[in-house]
Amino acid sequence: MIKGFLAVLSIALTVFALADCVQTENDKVRGIPKWAWVVLVVLLPWVGPITWLVVGKDRQDGNGIDRPRRDGPTAPDEDPDFLRRLDEDIRRERRERQRREQGEQGPDSPSGGPAST
């Protein structure tokens, strides 16, 4: 029973490590070339997959957090310059709207200007 469980666990670990190795970009592979990692993972049960998972792949970003790397443009809601310009545009439109509303409500209208008795 235990031998069967260990065999299935070994196969699952090997398949997982092999899939991870094959899908890893070449610039993230550490130590030896990717093809050598594939051979190591397949031919050395337990040792190959565990070694790949521990040291074979550069899993961390520069600050120690594993996150996807973006090489292309960022989304507009993540761009600080875009957000700043958007905020300035909204404030300018509000000021213009207030000026128009104040211009429509002349000093003689009941809600604009001094109250007449």
PDB file of N, CA and C in Angstrom:
ATOM      1  N   MET A   1       0.826  -1.196   0.000  1.00  0.00           N
ATOM      2  CA  MET A   1       0.000   0.000   0.000  1.00  0.00           C
ATOM      3  C   MET A   1       0.871   1.261   0.000  1.00  0.00           C
ATOM      4  N   ILE A   2       1.834   1.304   0.921  1.00  0.00           N
ATOM      5  CA  ILE A   2       2.700   2.482   1.010  1.00  0.00           C
ATOM      6  C   ILE A   2       3.585   2.589  -0.229  1.00  0.00           C
ATOM      7  N   LYS A   3       4.063   1.450  -0.734  1.00  0.00           N
ATOM      8  CA  LYS A   3       4.897   1.477  -1.938  1.00  0.00           C
ATOM      9  C   LYS A   3       4.104   2.014  -3.135  1.00  0.00           C
ATOM     10  N   GLY A   4       2.859   1.623  -3.235  1.00  0.00           N
ATOM     11  CA  GLY A   4       2.014   2.120  -4.316  1.00  0.00           C
ATOM     12  C   GLY A   4       1.787   3.621  -4.196  1.00  0.00           C
ATOM     13  N   PHE A   5       1.556   4.090  -2.970  1.00  0.00           N
ATOM     14  CA  PHE A   5       1.361   5.523  -2.741  1.00  0.00           C
ATOM     15  C   PHE A   5       2.619   6.303  -3.096  1.00  0.00           C
ATOM     16  N   LEU A   6       3.792   5.791  -2.693  1.00  0.00           N
ATOM     17  CA  LEU A   6       5.055   6.468  -3.004  1.00  0.00           C
ATOM     18  C   LEU A   6       5.317   6.476  -4.507  1.00  0.00           C
ATOM     19  N   ALA A   7       4.942   5.411  -5.203  1.00  0.00           N
ATOM     20  CA  ALA A   7       5.125   5.363  -6.655  1.00  0.00           C
ATOM     21  C   ALA A   7       4.245   6.404  -7.340  1.00  0.00           C
ATOM     22  N   VAL A   8       2.994   6.490  -6.925  1.00  0.00           N
ATOM     23  CA  VAL A   8       2.084   7.483  -7.515  1.00  0.00           C
ATOM     24  C   VAL A   8       2.570   8.894  -7.188  1.00  0.00           C
ATOM     25  N   LEU A   9       3.020   9.117  -5.971  1.00  0.00           N
ATOM     26  CA  LEU A   9       3.531  10.430  -5.578  1.00  0.00           C
ATOM     27  C   LEU A   9       4.772  10.802  -6.386  1.00  0.00           C
ATOM     28  N   SER A  10       5.646   9.835  -6.617  1.00  0.00           N
ATOM     29  CA  SER A  10       6.852  10.079  -7.410  1.00  0.00           C
ATOM     30  C   SER A  10       6.497  10.452  -8.844  1.00  0.00           C
ATOM     31  N   ILE A  11       5.539   9.738  -9.420  1.00  0.00           N
ATOM     32  CA  ILE A  11       5.114  10.031 -10.794  1.00  0.00           C
ATOM     33  C   ILE A  11       4.458  11.406 -10.865  1.00  0.00           C
ATOM     34  N   ALA A  12       3.616  11.709  -9.890  1.00  0.00           N
ATOM     35  CA  ALA A  12       2.945  13.018  -9.886  1.00  0.00           C
ATOM     36  C   ALA A  12       3.961  14.147  -9.742  1.00  0.00           C
ATOM     37  N   LEU A  13       4.937  13.982  -8.866  1.00  0.00           N
ATOM     38  CA  LEU A  13       5.978  14.995  -8.680  1.00  0.00           C
ATOM     39  C   LEU A  13       6.790  15.172  -9.955  1.00  0.00           C
ATOM     40  N   THR A  14       7.119  14.074 -10.607  1.00  0.00           N
ATOM     41  CA  THR A  14       7.889  14.134 -11.846  1.00  0.00           C
ATOM     42  C   THR A  14       7.102  14.838 -12.946  1.00  0.00           C
ATOM     43  N   VAL A  15       5.834  14.504 -13.085  1.00  0.00           N
ATOM     44  CA  VAL A  15       5.006  15.137 -14.116  1.00  0.00           C
ATOM     45  C   VAL A  15       4.866  16.633 -13.845  1.00  0.00           C
ATOM     46  N   PHE A  16       4.636  16.986 -12.578  1.00  0.00           N
ATOM     47  CA  PHE A  16       4.497  18.403 -12.241  1.00  0.00           C
ATOM     48  C   PHE A  16       5.782  19.163 -12.539  1.00  0.00           C
ATOM     49  N   ALA A  17       6.922  18.637 -12.088  1.00  0.00           N
ATOM     50  CA  ALA A  17       8.203  19.313 -12.310  1.00  0.00           C
ATOM     51  C   ALA A  17       8.537  19.380 -13.793  1.00  0.00           C
ATOM     52  N   LEU A  18       8.231  18.322 -14.527  1.00  0.00           N
ATOM     53  CA  LEU A  18       8.499  18.320 -15.963  1.00  0.00           C
ATOM     54  C   LEU A  18       7.654  19.364 -16.681  1.00  0.00           C
ATOM     55  N   ALA A  19       6.390  19.450 -16.351  1.00  0.00           N
ATOM     56  CA  ALA A  19       5.518  20.459 -16.965  1.00  0.00           C
ATOM     57  C   ALA A  19       5.993  21.868 -16.623  1.00  0.00           C
ATOM     58  N   ASP A  20       6.383  22.083 -15.381  1.00  0.00           N
ATOM     59  CA  ASP A  20       6.884  23.391 -14.965  1.00  0.00           C
ATOM     60  C   ASP A  20       8.170  23.739 -15.704  1.00  0.00           C
ATOM     61  N   CYS A  21       9.046  22.772 -15.844  1.00  0.00           N
ATOM     62  CA  CYS A  21      10.317  22.995 -16.534  1.00  0.00           C
ATOM     63  C   CYS A  21      10.093  23.331 -18.006  1.00  0.00           C
ATOM     64  N   VAL A  22       9.241  22.583 -18.666  1.00  0.00           N
ATOM     65  CA  VAL A  22       8.996  22.801 -20.096  1.00  0.00           C
ATOM     66  C   VAL A  22       8.346  24.159 -20.336  1.00  0.00           C
ATOM     67  N   GLN A  23       7.476  24.602 -19.438  1.00  0.00           N
ATOM     68  CA  GLN A  23       6.759  25.864 -19.634  1.00  0.00           C
ATOM     69  C   GLN A  23       7.553  27.090 -19.187  1.00  0.00           C
ATOM     70  N   THR A  24       8.670  26.880 -18.523  1.00  0.00           N
ATOM     71  CA  THR A  24       9.468  28.001 -18.031  1.00  0.00           C
ATOM     72  C   THR A  24      10.222  28.658 -19.173  1.00  0.00           C
ATOM     73  N   GLU A  25      10.249  29.990 -19.151  1.00  0.00           N
ATOM     74  CA  GLU A  25      10.996  30.736 -20.159  1.00  0.00           C
ATOM     75  C   GLU A  25      12.488  30.483 -19.965  1.00  0.00           C
ATOM     76  N   ASN A  26      13.240  30.489 -21.059  1.00  0.00           N
ATOM     77  CA  ASN A  26      14.665  30.172 -21.005  1.00  0.00           C
ATOM     78  C   ASN A  26      15.461  31.128 -20.116  1.00  0.00           C
ATOM     79  N   ASP A  27      15.047  32.400 -20.044  1.00  0.00           N
ATOM     80  CA  ASP A  27      15.803  33.357 -19.238  1.00  0.00           C
ATOM     81  C   ASP A  27      15.586  33.179 -17.737  1.00  0.00           C
ATOM     82  N   LYS A  28      14.625  32.353 -17.338  1.00  0.00           N
ATOM     83  CA  LYS A  28      14.391  32.104 -15.914  1.00  0.00           C
ATOM     84  C   LYS A  28      15.018  30.800 -15.426  1.00  0.00           C
ATOM     85  N   VAL A  29      15.588  30.019 -16.333  1.00  0.00           N
ATOM     86  CA  VAL A  29      16.210  28.751 -15.962  1.00  0.00           C
ATOM     87  C   VAL A  29      17.592  29.038 -15.398  1.00  0.00           C
ATOM     88  N   ARG A  30      17.880  28.437 -14.226  1.00  0.00           N
ATOM     89  CA  ARG A  30      19.167  28.676 -13.571  1.00  0.00           C
ATOM     90  C   ARG A  30      20.042  27.425 -13.635  1.00  0.00           C
ATOM     91  N   GLY A  31      21.346  27.657 -13.600  1.00  0.00           N
ATOM     92  CA  GLY A  31      22.297  26.564 -13.477  1.00  0.00           C
ATOM     93  C   GLY A  31      22.684  25.930 -14.794  1.00  0.00           C
ATOM     94  N   ILE A  32      21.871  25.041 -15.299  1.00  0.00           N
ATOM     95  CA  ILE A  32      22.172  24.298 -16.519  1.00  0.00           C
ATOM     96  C   ILE A  32      21.087  24.584 -17.549  1.00  0.00           C
ATOM     97  N   PRO A  33      21.325  24.253 -18.818  1.00  0.00           N
ATOM     98  CA  PRO A  33      20.306  24.514 -19.852  1.00  0.00           C
ATOM     99  C   PRO A  33      19.008  23.753 -19.581  1.00  0.00           C
ATOM    100  N   LYS A  34      17.946  24.237 -20.180  1.00  0.00           N
ATOM    101  CA  LYS A  34      16.630  23.651 -19.943  1.00  0.00           C
ATOM    102  C   LYS A  34      16.584  22.173 -20.346  1.00  0.00           C
ATOM    103  N   TRP A  35      17.190  21.830 -21.477  1.00  0.00           N
ATOM    104  CA  TRP A  35      17.166  20.434 -21.912  1.00  0.00           C
ATOM    105  C   TRP A  35      17.822  19.528 -20.882  1.00  0.00           C
ATOM    106  N   ALA A  36      18.865  20.018 -20.211  1.00  0.00           N
ATOM    107  CA  ALA A  36      19.538  19.210 -19.188  1.00  0.00           C
ATOM    108  C   ALA A  36      18.634  19.049 -17.963  1.00  0.00           C
ATOM    109  N   TRP A  37      17.873  20.091 -17.632  1.00  0.00           N
ATOM    110  CA  TRP A  37      16.918  19.970 -16.522  1.00  0.00           C
ATOM    111  C   TRP A  37      15.856  18.926 -16.839  1.00  0.00           C
ATOM    112  N   VAL A  38      15.360  18.908 -18.078  1.00  0.00           N
ATOM    113  CA  VAL A  38      14.349  17.935 -18.468  1.00  0.00           C
ATOM    114  C   VAL A  38      14.894  16.512 -18.301  1.00  0.00           C
ATOM    115  N   VAL A  39      16.124  16.289 -18.762  1.00  0.00           N
ATOM    116  CA  VAL A  39      16.745  14.968 -18.621  1.00  0.00           C
ATOM    117  C   VAL A  39      16.897  14.615 -17.145  1.00  0.00           C
ATOM    118  N   LEU A  40      17.352  15.561 -16.342  1.00  0.00           N
ATOM    119  CA  LEU A  40      17.539  15.326 -14.908  1.00  0.00           C
ATOM    120  C   LEU A  40      16.219  14.980 -14.218  1.00  0.00           C
ATOM    121  N   VAL A  41      15.154  15.715 -14.544  1.00  0.00           N
ATOM    122  CA  VAL A  41      13.849  15.478 -13.922  1.00  0.00           C
ATOM    123  C   VAL A  41      13.310  14.101 -14.299  1.00  0.00           C
ATOM    124  N   VAL A  42      13.501  13.701 -15.547  1.00  0.00           N
ATOM    125  CA  VAL A  42      12.945  12.425 -16.009  1.00  0.00           C
ATOM    126  C   VAL A  42      13.768  11.227 -15.513  1.00  0.00           C
ATOM    127  N   LEU A  43      15.096  11.342 -15.523  1.00  0.00           N
ATOM    128  CA  LEU A  43      15.941  10.186 -15.221  1.00  0.00           C
ATOM    129  C   LEU A  43      16.230   9.968 -13.739  1.00  0.00           C
ATOM    130  N   LEU A  44      16.130  10.985 -12.924  1.00  0.00           N
ATOM    131  CA  LEU A  44      16.428  10.840 -11.496  1.00  0.00           C
ATOM    132  C   LEU A  44      15.163  11.057 -10.675  1.00  0.00           C
ATOM    133  N   PRO A  45      14.451   9.975 -10.348  1.00  0.00           N
ATOM    134  CA  PRO A  45      13.232  10.147  -9.565  1.00  0.00           C
ATOM    135  C   PRO A  45      13.538  10.771  -8.211  1.00  0.00           C
ATOM    136  N   TRP A  46      12.659  11.579  -7.739  1.00  0.00           N
ATOM    137  CA  TRP A  46      12.725  12.326  -6.494  1.00  0.00           C
ATOM    138  C   TRP A  46      13.806  13.401  -6.540  1.00  0.00           C
ATOM    139  N   VAL A  47      15.024  13.061  -6.841  1.00  0.00           N
ATOM    140  CA  VAL A  47      16.123  14.035  -6.809  1.00  0.00           C
ATOM    141  C   VAL A  47      15.964  15.077  -7.910  1.00  0.00           C
ATOM    142  N   GLY A  48      15.704  14.637  -9.136  1.00  0.00           N
ATOM    143  CA  GLY A  48      15.564  15.563 -10.264  1.00  0.00           C
ATOM    144  C   GLY A  48      14.429  16.550 -10.086  1.00  0.00           C
ATOM    145  N   PRO A  49      13.196  16.061  -9.832  1.00  0.00           N
ATOM    146  CA  PRO A  49      12.087  17.007  -9.667  1.00  0.00           C
ATOM    147  C   PRO A  49      12.249  17.944  -8.482  1.00  0.00           C
ATOM    148  N   ILE A  50      12.718  17.433  -7.348  1.00  0.00           N
ATOM    149  CA  ILE A  50      12.881  18.292  -6.169  1.00  0.00           C
ATOM    150  C   ILE A  50      13.972  19.326  -6.416  1.00  0.00           C
ATOM    151  N   THR A  51      15.066  18.914  -7.065  1.00  0.00           N
ATOM    152  CA  THR A  51      16.135  19.872  -7.383  1.00  0.00           C
ATOM    153  C   THR A  51      15.629  20.956  -8.319  1.00  0.00           C
ATOM    154  N   TRP A  52      14.840  20.573  -9.332  1.00  0.00           N
ATOM    155  CA  TRP A  52      14.271  21.574 -10.235  1.00  0.00           C
ATOM    156  C   TRP A  52      13.395  22.562  -9.478  1.00  0.00           C
ATOM    157  N   LEU A  53      12.525  22.038  -8.630  1.00  0.00           N
ATOM    158  CA  LEU A  53      11.589  22.909  -7.922  1.00  0.00           C
ATOM    159  C   LEU A  53      12.286  23.821  -6.922  1.00  0.00           C
ATOM    160  N   VAL A  54      13.420  23.384  -6.384  1.00  0.00           N
ATOM    161  CA  VAL A  54      14.108  24.202  -5.381  1.00  0.00           C
ATOM    162  C   VAL A  54      15.074  25.202  -6.019  1.00  0.00           C
ATOM    163  N   VAL A  55      15.903  24.751  -6.968  1.00  0.00           N
ATOM    164  CA  VAL A  55      16.955  25.641  -7.471  1.00  0.00           C
ATOM    165  C   VAL A  55      16.930  25.863  -8.981  1.00  0.00           C
ATOM    166  N   GLY A  56      16.130  25.157  -9.729  1.00  0.00           N
ATOM    167  CA  GLY A  56      16.221  25.216 -11.176  1.00  0.00           C
ATOM    168  C   GLY A  56      15.609  26.424 -11.830  1.00  0.00           C
ATOM    169  N   LYS A  57      14.692  27.083 -11.145  1.00  0.00           N
ATOM    170  CA  LYS A  57      13.947  28.181 -11.771  1.00  0.00           C
ATOM    171  C   LYS A  57      14.039  29.423 -10.904  1.00  0.00           C
ATOM    172  N   ASP A  58      14.270  30.552 -11.557  1.00  0.00           N
ATOM    173  CA  ASP A  58      14.257  31.833 -10.857  1.00  0.00           C
ATOM    174  C   ASP A  58      12.795  32.211 -10.646  1.00  0.00           C
ATOM    175  N   ARG A  59      12.291  32.019  -9.436  1.00  0.00           N
ATOM    176  CA  ARG A  59      10.869  32.215  -9.145  1.00  0.00           C
ATOM    177  C   ARG A  59      10.563  33.585  -8.569  1.00  0.00           C
ATOM    178  N   GLN A  60      11.553  34.352  -8.210  1.00  0.00           N
ATOM    179  CA  GLN A  60      11.286  35.612  -7.523  1.00  0.00           C
ATOM    180  C   GLN A  60      11.617  36.793  -8.404  1.00  0.00           C
ATOM    181  N   ASP A  61      10.812  37.832  -8.187  1.00  0.00           N
ATOM    182  CA  ASP A  61      11.068  39.110  -8.831  1.00  0.00           C
ATOM    183  C   ASP A  61      12.203  39.792  -8.077  1.00  0.00           C
ATOM    184  N   GLY A  62      12.590  40.964  -8.454  1.00  0.00           N
ATOM    185  CA  GLY A  62      13.687  41.667  -7.809  1.00  0.00           C
ATOM    186  C   GLY A  62      13.485  41.933  -6.326  1.00  0.00           C
ATOM    187  N   ASN A  63      12.248  42.110  -5.873  1.00  0.00           N
ATOM    188  CA  ASN A  63      12.003  42.435  -4.473  1.00  0.00           C
ATOM    189  C   ASN A  63      11.618  41.219  -3.640  1.00  0.00           C
ATOM    190  N   GLY A  64      11.780  40.011  -4.163  1.00  0.00           N
ATOM    191  CA  GLY A  64      11.506  38.817  -3.388  1.00  0.00           C
ATOM    192  C   GLY A  64      10.094  38.296  -3.507  1.00  0.00           C
ATOM    193  N   ILE A  65       9.260  38.918  -4.328  1.00  0.00           N
ATOM    194  CA  ILE A  65       7.875  38.480  -4.487  1.00  0.00           C
ATOM    195  C   ILE A  65       7.724  37.861  -5.869  1.00  0.00           C
ATOM    196  N   ASP A  66       7.137  36.684  -5.919  1.00  0.00           N
ATOM    197  CA  ASP A  66       6.914  36.001  -7.181  1.00  0.00           C
ATOM    198  C   ASP A  66       5.654  36.555  -7.831  1.00  0.00           C
ATOM    199  N   ARG A  67       5.834  37.307  -8.910  1.00  0.00           N
ATOM    200  CA  ARG A  67       4.686  37.854  -9.625  1.00  0.00           C
ATOM    201  C   ARG A  67       4.993  37.880 -11.118  1.00  0.00           C
ATOM    202  N   PRO A  68       3.966  37.849 -11.942  1.00  0.00           N
ATOM    203  CA  PRO A  68       4.210  37.828 -13.385  1.00  0.00           C
ATOM    204  C   PRO A  68       4.903  39.098 -13.843  1.00  0.00           C
ATOM    205  N   ARG A  69       5.799  38.940 -14.786  1.00  0.00           N
ATOM    206  CA  ARG A  69       6.545  40.068 -15.312  1.00  0.00           C
ATOM    207  C   ARG A  69       5.820  40.640 -16.517  1.00  0.00           C
ATOM    208  N   ARG A  70       5.706  41.961 -16.574  1.00  0.00           N
ATOM    209  CA  ARG A  70       5.058  42.612 -17.706  1.00  0.00           C
ATOM    210  C   ARG A  70       6.092  43.390 -18.481  1.00  0.00           C
ATOM    211  N   ASP A  71       6.209  43.078 -19.753  1.00  0.00           N
ATOM    212  CA  ASP A  71       7.132  43.813 -20.588  1.00  0.00           C
ATOM    213  C   ASP A  71       6.414  44.863 -21.421  1.00  0.00           C
ATOM    214  N   GLY A  72       5.130  44.691 -21.632  1.00  0.00           N
ATOM    215  CA  GLY A  72       4.363  45.602 -22.469  1.00  0.00           C
ATOM    216  C   GLY A  72       3.832  46.785 -21.685  1.00  0.00           C
ATOM    217  N   PRO A  73       2.978  47.572 -22.301  1.00  0.00           N
ATOM    218  CA  PRO A  73       2.410  48.743 -21.628  1.00  0.00           C
ATOM    219  C   PRO A  73       1.489  48.342 -20.482  1.00  0.00           C
ATOM    220  N   THR A  74       1.404  49.209 -19.507  1.00  0.00           N
ATOM    221  CA  THR A  74       0.512  48.947 -18.388  1.00  0.00           C
ATOM    222  C   THR A  74      -0.899  49.399 -18.749  1.00  0.00           C
ATOM    223  N   ALA A  75      -1.851  48.934 -17.989  1.00  0.00           N
ATOM    224  CA  ALA A  75      -3.234  49.344 -18.208  1.00  0.00           C
ATOM    225  C   ALA A  75      -3.386  50.809 -17.809  1.00  0.00           C
ATOM    226  N   PRO A  76      -4.329  51.536 -18.418  1.00  0.00           N
ATOM    227  CA  PRO A  76      -4.484  52.960 -18.093  1.00  0.00           C
ATOM    228  C   PRO A  76      -4.746  53.216 -16.614  1.00  0.00           C
ATOM    229  N   ASP A  77      -5.468  52.336 -15.954  1.00  0.00           N
ATOM    230  CA  ASP A  77      -5.762  52.595 -14.545  1.00  0.00           C
ATOM    231  C   ASP A  77      -4.579  52.311 -13.636  1.00  0.00           C
ATOM    232  N   GLU A  78      -3.458  51.836 -14.187  1.00  0.00           N
ATOM    233  CA  GLU A  78      -2.248  51.627 -13.405  1.00  0.00           C
ATOM    234  C   GLU A  78      -1.170  52.656 -13.740  1.00  0.00           C
ATOM    235  N   ASP A  79      -1.431  53.514 -14.705  1.00  0.00           N
ATOM    236  CA  ASP A  79      -0.456  54.500 -15.141  1.00  0.00           C
ATOM    237  C   ASP A  79      -0.664  55.792 -14.349  1.00  0.00           C
ATOM    238  N   PRO A  80       0.301  56.183 -13.502  1.00  0.00           N
ATOM    239  CA  PRO A  80       0.105  57.378 -12.672  1.00  0.00           C
ATOM    240  C   PRO A  80      -0.058  58.659 -13.481  1.00  0.00           C
ATOM    241  N   ASP A  81       0.632  58.778 -14.616  1.00  0.00           N
ATOM    242  CA  ASP A  81       0.484  59.979 -15.439  1.00  0.00           C
ATOM    243  C   ASP A  81      -0.924  60.067 -16.020  1.00  0.00           C
ATOM    244  N   PHE A  82      -1.450  58.948 -16.481  1.00  0.00           N
ATOM    245  CA  PHE A  82      -2.811  58.933 -17.011  1.00  0.00           C
ATOM    246  C   PHE A  82      -3.815  59.313 -15.930  1.00  0.00           C
ATOM    247  N   LEU A  83      -3.651  58.748 -14.740  1.00  0.00           N
ATOM    248  CA  LEU A  83      -4.578  59.050 -13.647  1.00  0.00           C
ATOM    249  C   LEU A  83      -4.501  60.516 -13.237  1.00  0.00           C
ATOM    250  N   ARG A  84      -3.300  61.095 -13.229  1.00  0.00           N
ATOM    251  CA  ARG A  84      -3.142  62.501 -12.883  1.00  0.00           C
ATOM    252  C   ARG A  84      -3.830  63.390 -13.916  1.00  0.00           C
ATOM    253  N   ARG A  85      -3.622  63.091 -15.207  1.00  0.00           N
ATOM    254  CA  ARG A  85      -4.276  63.877 -16.262  1.00  0.00           C
ATOM    255  C   ARG A  85      -5.795  63.731 -16.198  1.00  0.00           C
ATOM    256  N   LEU A  86      -6.264  62.523 -15.898  1.00  0.00           N
ATOM    257  CA  LEU A  86      -7.699  62.291 -15.781  1.00  0.00           C
ATOM    258  C   LEU A  86      -8.285  63.114 -14.637  1.00  0.00           C
ATOM    259  N   ASP A  87      -7.596  63.154 -13.509  1.00  0.00           N
ATOM    260  CA  ASP A  87      -8.048  63.942 -12.368  1.00  0.00           C
ATOM    261  C   ASP A  87      -8.071  65.435 -12.709  1.00  0.00           C
ATOM    262  N   GLU A  88      -7.045  65.913 -13.398  1.00  0.00           N
ATOM    263  CA  GLU A  88      -7.015  67.317 -13.805  1.00  0.00           C
ATOM    264  C   GLU A  88      -8.161  67.639 -14.764  1.00  0.00           C
ATOM    265  N   ASP A  89      -8.439  66.738 -15.698  1.00  0.00           N
ATOM    266  CA  ASP A  89      -9.541  66.958 -16.641  1.00  0.00           C
ATOM    267  C   ASP A  89     -10.883  67.011 -15.916  1.00  0.00           C
ATOM    268  N   ILE A  90     -11.081  66.129 -14.958  1.00  0.00           N
ATOM    269  CA  ILE A  90     -12.344  66.122 -14.204  1.00  0.00           C
ATOM    270  C   ILE A  90     -12.507  67.422 -13.423  1.00  0.00           C
ATOM    271  N   ARG A  91     -11.448  67.879 -12.769  1.00  0.00           N
ATOM    272  CA  ARG A  91     -11.532  69.143 -12.010  1.00  0.00           C
ATOM    273  C   ARG A  91     -11.800  70.324 -12.929  1.00  0.00           C
ATOM    274  N   ARG A  92     -11.145  70.360 -14.104  1.00  0.00           N
ATOM    275  CA  ARG A  92     -11.350  71.458 -15.043  1.00  0.00           C
ATOM    276  C   ARG A  92     -12.798  71.472 -15.548  1.00  0.00           C
ATOM    277  N   GLU A  93     -13.340  70.295 -15.862  1.00  0.00           N
ATOM    278  CA  GLU A  93     -14.723  70.232 -16.323  1.00  0.00           C
ATOM    279  C   GLU A  93     -15.696  70.668 -15.242  1.00  0.00           C
ATOM    280  N   ARG A  94     -15.432  70.346 -13.984  1.00  0.00           N
ATOM    281  CA  ARG A  94     -16.304  70.779 -12.882  1.00  0.00           C
ATOM    282  C   ARG A  94     -16.264  72.300 -12.734  1.00  0.00           C
ATOM    283  N   ARG A  95     -15.057  72.882 -12.833  1.00  0.00           N
ATOM    284  CA  ARG A  95     -14.950  74.351 -12.735  1.00  0.00           C
ATOM    285  C   ARG A  95     -15.713  75.022 -13.875  1.00  0.00           C
ATOM    286  N   GLU A  96     -15.551  74.496 -15.093  1.00  0.00           N
ATOM    287  CA  GLU A  96     -16.258  75.078 -16.233  1.00  0.00           C
ATOM    288  C   GLU A  96     -17.767  74.955 -16.074  1.00  0.00           C
ATOM    289  N   ARG A  97     -18.245  73.831 -15.570  1.00  0.00           N
ATOM    290  CA  ARG A  97     -19.677  73.631 -15.345  1.00  0.00           C
ATOM    291  C   ARG A  97     -20.189  74.617 -14.294  1.00  0.00           C
ATOM    292  N   GLN A  98     -19.419  74.820 -13.229  1.00  0.00           N
ATOM    293  CA  GLN A  98     -19.832  75.766 -12.192  1.00  0.00           C
ATOM    294  C   GLN A  98     -19.888  77.184 -12.748  1.00  0.00           C
ATOM    295  N   ARG A  99     -18.926  77.548 -13.592  1.00  0.00           N
ATOM    296  CA  ARG A  99     -18.933  78.887 -14.196  1.00  0.00           C
ATOM    297  C   ARG A  99     -20.149  79.065 -15.095  1.00  0.00           C
ATOM    298  N   ARG A 100     -20.467  78.032 -15.876  1.00  0.00           N
ATOM    299  CA  ARG A 100     -21.646  78.126 -16.751  1.00  0.00           C
ATOM    300  C   ARG A 100     -22.919  78.263 -15.928  1.00  0.00           C
ATOM    301  N   GLU A 101     -23.033  77.478 -14.858  1.00  0.00           N
ATOM    302  CA  GLU A 101     -24.222  77.547 -14.016  1.00  0.00           C
ATOM    303  C   GLU A 101     -24.330  78.905 -13.340  1.00  0.00           C
ATOM    304  N   GLN A 102     -23.215  79.463 -12.921  1.00  0.00           N
ATOM    305  CA  GLN A 102     -23.250  80.782 -12.296  1.00  0.00           C
ATOM    306  C   GLN A 102     -23.567  81.857 -13.331  1.00  0.00           C
ATOM    307  N   GLY A 103     -23.116  81.658 -14.554  1.00  0.00           N
ATOM    308  CA  GLY A 103     -23.418  82.608 -15.619  1.00  0.00           C
ATOM    309  C   GLY A 103     -24.892  82.583 -15.985  1.00  0.00           C
ATOM    310  N   GLU A 104     -25.532  81.414 -15.934  1.00  0.00           N
ATOM    311  CA  GLU A 104     -26.962  81.305 -16.234  1.00  0.00           C
ATOM    312  C   GLU A 104     -27.799  81.920 -15.122  1.00  0.00           C
ATOM    313  N   GLN A 105     -27.338  81.802 -13.897  1.00  0.00           N
ATOM    314  CA  GLN A 105     -28.061  82.379 -12.760  1.00  0.00           C
ATOM    315  C   GLN A 105     -27.502  83.778 -12.521  1.00  0.00           C
ATOM    316  N   GLY A 106     -27.999  84.728 -13.184  1.00  0.00           N
ATOM    317  CA  GLY A 106     -27.507  86.097 -13.063  1.00  0.00           C
ATOM    318  C   GLY A 106     -27.724  86.648 -11.661  1.00  0.00           C
ATOM    319  N   PRO A 107     -27.230  87.858 -11.413  1.00  0.00           N
ATOM    320  CA  PRO A 107     -27.374  88.453 -10.082  1.00  0.00           C
ATOM    321  C   PRO A 107     -28.831  88.765  -9.738  1.00  0.00           C
ATOM    322  N   ASP A 108     -29.740  88.848 -10.746  1.00  0.00           N
ATOM    323  CA  ASP A 108     -31.134  89.162 -10.470  1.00  0.00           C
ATOM    324  C   ASP A 108     -31.955  87.909 -10.125  1.00  0.00           C
ATOM    325  N   SER A 109     -31.425  86.735 -10.386  1.00  0.00           N
ATOM    326  CA  SER A 109     -32.211  85.532 -10.111  1.00  0.00           C
ATOM    327  C   SER A 109     -32.250  85.261  -8.622  1.00  0.00           C
ATOM    328  N   PRO A 110     -33.319  84.589  -8.136  1.00  0.00           N
ATOM    329  CA  PRO A 110     -33.484  84.385  -6.695  1.00  0.00           C
ATOM    330  C   PRO A 110     -32.380  83.542  -6.076  1.00  0.00           C
ATOM    331  N   SER A 111     -31.848  82.576  -6.768  1.00  0.00           N
ATOM    332  CA  SER A 111     -30.847  81.727  -6.140  1.00  0.00           C
ATOM    333  C   SER A 111     -29.441  82.268  -6.312  1.00  0.00           C
ATOM    334  N   GLY A 112     -29.210  83.179  -7.223  1.00  0.00           N
ATOM    335  CA  GLY A 112     -27.869  83.716  -7.426  1.00  0.00           C
ATOM    336  C   GLY A 112     -27.804  85.159  -7.005  1.00  0.00           C
ATOM    337  N   GLY A 113     -26.727  85.558  -6.409  1.00  0.00           N
ATOM    338  CA  GLY A 113     -26.541  86.938  -6.024  1.00  0.00           C
ATOM    339  C   GLY A 113     -27.195  87.264  -4.700  1.00  0.00           C
ATOM    340  N   PRO A 114     -27.173  88.566  -4.325  1.00  0.00           N
ATOM    341  CA  PRO A 114     -27.739  88.982  -3.043  1.00  0.00           C
ATOM    342  C   PRO A 114     -29.248  88.888  -3.038  1.00  0.00           C
ATOM    343  N   ALA A 115     -29.769  88.603  -1.880  1.00  0.00           N
ATOM    344  CA  ALA A 115     -31.226  88.474  -1.759  1.00  0.00           C
ATOM    345  C   ALA A 115     -31.862  89.853  -1.751  1.00  0.00           C
ATOM    346  N   SER A 116     -32.974  90.027  -2.482  1.00  0.00           N
ATOM    347  CA  SER A 116     -33.678  91.300  -2.507  1.00  0.00           C
ATOM    348  C   SER A 116     -34.905  91.197  -1.640  1.00  0.00           C
ATOM    349  N   THR A 117     -35.188  92.252  -0.872  1.00  0.00           N
ATOM    350  CA  THR A 117     -36.322  92.263   0.030  1.00  0.00           C
ATOM    351  C   THR A 117     -37.379  93.219  -0.393  1.00  0.00           C
TER     352      THR A 117
END
